[in-house]
Every structure is written in structure tokens, then in C-alpha cells.
């Protein structure tokens, strides 16, 4: 079974597809000046593009891990998440506080099934 590396970079690939699954790296916002909700929205758009490049989409996400620099702002992240997520195909998800790169408020990793 082949391994397909999507958007390989200097130190990781944006995602890796193997078999019927797509494993996305942790994805962060490009615009660090945005608040939690804005960064989350930007991250989710980037995830959608990566999944499309790998032959999947947000309705096929089976698992998501959300890392937040300030877990007390989870409601702001959830507002963006709930506006974006496919509510008829909710993935398993955890959201945790973590030390992130300065300026990064949220980082999200997902695993999705291919179409």
C-alpha cells in the first residue's frame, strides 16, 4: 500500500494518506493577529483544503485534536468549530490546553477517511 505525502515541507508533510485514511499534521493560522475564533476559522479553512487535496472532506473526519494556548477560551474556538463542522457526521474530538508557538492560539490535527 502506497503512502502519499501531501504538501511535504522542510520538516513535515501537511498530511499523509495511507490506505483509506488521511492524517493531517497540526495546522495553525497564518494570521497571528486574529482572536481565537478568527484563528480557528482560518485553521479550519486550511484543513478543508488539505483534505480536498488528499481525496477527503470534513464530512469524513473521524477524529480531531484541538490544542489551545488558553483553554479558558474554548467557547470562542467552539463557536467557529460548530459553524464549520458537518453536524450530521460529527467526529470524535478532544480539546486541550497546550503551550503553543508564541502568537498561535489554536492548532488542530485531524484524521479523515478518504472518499
Protein backbone atom coordinates (compact mmCIF):
# COMPACT_ATOMS: atom_id res chain seq x y z
CA UNK A 1 0.00 0.00 0.00
CA UNK A 2 1.43 3.37 -1.03
CA UNK A 3 2.00 6.30 1.29
CA UNK A 4 1.11 9.67 -0.23
CA UNK A 5 2.68 12.73 1.39
CA UNK A 6 0.60 15.86 0.78
CA UNK A 7 2.41 19.20 0.65
CA UNK A 8 5.73 17.95 2.05
CA UNK A 9 7.77 20.70 3.66
CA UNK A 10 11.13 21.12 5.29
CA UNK A 11 10.28 19.25 8.49
CA UNK A 12 6.88 17.58 7.93
CA UNK A 13 4.11 16.95 5.42
CA UNK A 14 0.84 18.86 5.72
CA UNK A 15 -0.86 15.44 5.62
CA UNK A 16 -0.05 11.81 4.94
CA UNK A 17 -2.50 9.47 3.24
CA UNK A 18 -2.18 5.72 3.68
CA UNK A 19 -4.80 3.18 2.75
CA UNK A 20 -8.20 4.71 3.37
CA UNK A 21 -7.04 7.30 5.94
CA UNK A 22 -5.63 10.82 5.82
CA UNK A 23 -3.56 12.03 8.78
CA UNK A 24 -3.23 15.84 8.94
CA UNK A 25 -0.38 17.49 10.79
CA UNK A 26 -1.20 20.12 13.36
CA UNK A 27 -2.39 23.14 11.39
CA UNK A 28 -2.16 26.71 12.65
CA UNK A 29 -3.38 30.08 11.41
CA UNK A 30 -1.14 32.26 9.26
CA UNK A 31 -2.51 35.48 10.78
CA UNK A 32 -1.46 35.53 14.43
CA UNK A 33 -3.19 38.90 14.98
CA UNK A 34 -6.61 37.24 14.79
CA UNK A 35 -8.50 36.35 18.00
CA UNK A 36 -9.21 32.71 18.93
CA UNK A 37 -12.35 32.46 16.78
CA UNK A 38 -10.64 34.04 13.77
CA UNK A 39 -7.58 31.81 14.04
CA UNK A 40 -9.83 28.76 14.38
CA UNK A 41 -11.80 29.75 11.27
CA UNK A 42 -8.58 30.17 9.30
CA UNK A 43 -7.26 26.80 10.50
CA UNK A 44 -10.49 25.05 9.54
CA UNK A 45 -10.35 26.52 6.02
CA UNK A 46 -6.78 25.26 5.69
CA UNK A 47 -7.83 21.80 6.92
CA UNK A 48 -10.63 21.72 4.35
CA UNK A 49 -8.12 22.48 1.55
CA UNK A 50 -5.66 19.83 2.73
CA UNK A 51 -8.39 17.21 2.98
CA UNK A 52 -9.57 18.04 -0.55
CA UNK A 53 -6.01 17.63 -1.86
CA UNK A 54 -5.87 14.21 -0.15
CA UNK A 55 -9.22 13.00 -1.52
CA UNK A 56 -11.36 13.64 1.56
CA UNK A 57 -13.54 16.33 3.13
CA UNK A 58 -14.77 17.49 6.52
CA UNK A 59 -17.71 15.06 6.49
CA UNK A 60 -15.14 12.23 6.54
CA UNK A 61 -13.21 13.39 9.65
CA UNK A 62 -13.17 10.57 12.19
CA UNK A 63 -11.00 12.20 14.86
CA UNK A 64 -9.85 15.71 15.75
CA UNK A 65 -7.47 17.03 18.39
CA UNK A 66 -7.62 20.74 19.20
CA UNK A 67 -4.73 22.35 21.08
CA UNK A 68 -5.43 25.77 22.63
CA UNK A 69 -2.93 28.19 24.12
CA UNK A 70 -5.64 29.29 26.58
CA UNK A 71 -8.23 26.61 27.34
CA UNK A 72 -10.42 29.19 29.08
CA UNK A 73 -11.20 30.49 25.56
CA UNK A 74 -12.63 27.15 24.44
CA UNK A 75 -16.08 28.66 23.84
CA UNK A 76 -14.61 31.01 21.21
CA UNK A 77 -12.96 28.07 19.43
CA UNK A 78 -16.18 26.03 19.70
CA UNK A 79 -18.17 28.83 18.08
CA UNK A 80 -16.02 28.57 14.93
CA UNK A 81 -15.91 24.77 15.11
CA UNK A 82 -19.69 24.36 15.35
CA UNK A 83 -20.28 26.76 12.44
CA UNK A 84 -17.88 24.68 10.30
CA UNK A 85 -18.19 21.02 11.31
CA UNK A 86 -20.55 18.66 9.44
CA UNK A 87 -23.17 18.26 12.16
CA UNK A 88 -24.55 15.05 10.61
CA UNK A 89 -21.07 13.45 10.70
CA UNK A 90 -19.52 14.63 13.95
CA UNK A 91 -16.02 13.26 14.60
CA UNK A 92 -14.56 12.13 17.89
CA UNK A 93 -12.78 15.19 19.31
CA UNK A 94 -10.76 16.37 22.25
CA UNK A 95 -9.71 19.93 23.05
CA UNK A 96 -6.83 20.57 25.41
CA UNK A 97 -4.71 23.41 26.70
CA UNK A 98 -1.13 23.37 25.45
CA UNK A 99 1.98 25.51 25.15
CA UNK A 100 1.99 26.68 21.52
CA UNK A 101 4.30 28.81 19.42
CA UNK A 102 4.02 32.47 20.51
CA UNK A 103 1.01 34.13 18.83
CA UNK A 104 -0.60 30.80 17.97
CA UNK A 105 -3.89 30.43 19.84
CA UNK A 106 -5.09 27.17 18.29
CA UNK A 107 -3.61 24.18 16.46
CA UNK A 108 -5.78 21.39 15.08
CA UNK A 109 -4.94 17.87 13.88
CA UNK A 110 -7.48 15.61 12.16
CA UNK A 111 -7.68 12.09 10.81
CA UNK A 112 -10.18 11.54 8.00
CA UNK A 113 -11.32 8.71 5.77
CA UNK A 114 -10.81 9.10 2.04
CA UNK A 115 -13.84 9.39 -0.24
